[in-house]
């Protein structure tokens, strides 16, 4: 149970980082993490930890960085399609 709560908090923190740094909506933030997971086969929790590390100054590993960039671009595209 504690691991699940900690994992959820890590994912939420990573979503917050993506929202703040890339100006994407919250739903797109989770979608970005999910897409990186699907394309790299790295667990969502681990992807989230990597994003948090990046925000703290650590470099992104190649595959995660590439997929993250592509997923963020797709997320930004969806943001412009949302009704206002």
Protein backbone atom coordinates (compact mmCIF):
# COMPACT_ATOMS: atom_id res chain seq x y z
CA UNK A 1 0.00 0.00 0.00
CA UNK A 2 2.76 2.45 0.91
CA UNK A 3 4.57 1.66 -2.34
CA UNK A 4 1.40 2.39 -4.32
CA UNK A 5 0.92 5.74 -2.57
CA UNK A 6 4.58 6.65 -3.11
CA UNK A 7 4.39 5.62 -6.75
CA UNK A 8 1.27 7.73 -7.25
CA UNK A 9 2.96 10.74 -5.65
CA UNK A 10 5.99 10.33 -7.92
CA UNK A 11 3.80 10.19 -11.02
CA UNK A 12 1.86 13.27 -9.85
CA UNK A 13 5.12 15.18 -9.29
CA UNK A 14 6.36 14.27 -12.76
CA UNK A 15 3.05 15.36 -14.30
CA UNK A 16 3.39 18.69 -12.48
CA UNK A 17 6.89 19.13 -13.87
CA UNK A 18 5.69 18.42 -17.42
CA UNK A 19 2.75 20.80 -17.03
CA UNK A 20 4.99 23.59 -15.73
CA UNK A 21 7.91 23.19 -18.11
CA UNK A 22 6.02 22.42 -21.31
CA UNK A 23 2.75 24.27 -20.65
CA UNK A 24 0.53 21.31 -21.39
CA UNK A 25 -2.80 20.47 -19.75
CA UNK A 26 -2.81 18.01 -16.81
CA UNK A 27 -4.45 15.23 -18.85
CA UNK A 28 -1.72 15.59 -21.46
CA UNK A 29 0.92 15.31 -18.72
CA UNK A 30 -0.19 11.80 -17.82
CA UNK A 31 -0.57 10.93 -21.49
CA UNK A 32 3.06 11.95 -22.07
CA UNK A 33 4.25 9.60 -19.30
CA UNK A 34 2.05 6.81 -20.65
CA UNK A 35 3.36 7.24 -24.20
CA UNK A 36 6.99 7.20 -23.05
CA UNK A 37 6.24 4.00 -21.11
CA UNK A 38 4.64 2.39 -24.17
CA UNK A 39 7.47 3.30 -26.54
CA UNK A 40 10.38 2.49 -24.21
CA UNK A 41 8.89 -0.38 -22.17
CA UNK A 42 10.06 1.39 -19.00
CA UNK A 43 7.56 1.40 -16.12
CA UNK A 44 5.55 4.62 -15.70
CA UNK A 45 6.92 5.02 -12.16
CA UNK A 46 10.49 4.79 -13.46
CA UNK A 47 9.77 7.26 -16.27
CA UNK A 48 8.30 9.61 -13.64
CA UNK A 49 11.44 9.28 -11.49
CA UNK A 50 13.54 10.08 -14.56
CA UNK A 51 11.50 13.23 -15.25
CA UNK A 52 11.92 14.34 -11.63
CA UNK A 53 15.67 13.71 -11.87
CA UNK A 54 15.79 15.77 -15.07
CA UNK A 55 14.05 18.64 -13.27
CA UNK A 56 16.76 18.42 -10.62
CA UNK A 57 19.53 18.66 -13.21
CA UNK A 58 20.23 15.07 -14.22
CA UNK A 59 20.41 14.30 -17.94
CA UNK A 60 17.65 12.29 -19.58
CA UNK A 61 18.72 8.89 -20.93
CA UNK A 62 18.65 8.85 -24.76
CA UNK A 63 15.53 6.77 -25.43
CA UNK A 64 13.52 8.46 -22.67
CA UNK A 65 14.59 11.92 -23.82
CA UNK A 66 13.66 11.21 -27.44
CA UNK A 67 10.28 9.72 -26.60
CA UNK A 68 9.55 12.42 -24.03
CA UNK A 69 10.20 15.15 -26.59
CA UNK A 70 7.97 13.49 -29.17
CA UNK A 71 5.19 12.82 -26.64
CA UNK A 72 5.29 16.41 -25.36
CA UNK A 73 4.94 17.73 -28.91
CA UNK A 74 1.90 15.51 -29.42
CA UNK A 75 0.51 16.69 -26.06
CA UNK A 76 0.95 20.31 -27.05
CA UNK A 77 -0.87 19.63 -30.30
CA UNK A 78 -3.84 18.22 -28.37
CA UNK A 79 -3.89 21.30 -26.15
CA UNK A 80 -4.65 23.52 -29.13
CA UNK A 81 -7.53 21.24 -30.14
CA UNK A 82 -9.37 21.57 -26.81
CA UNK A 83 -12.51 23.70 -26.82
CA UNK A 84 -12.29 27.00 -24.99
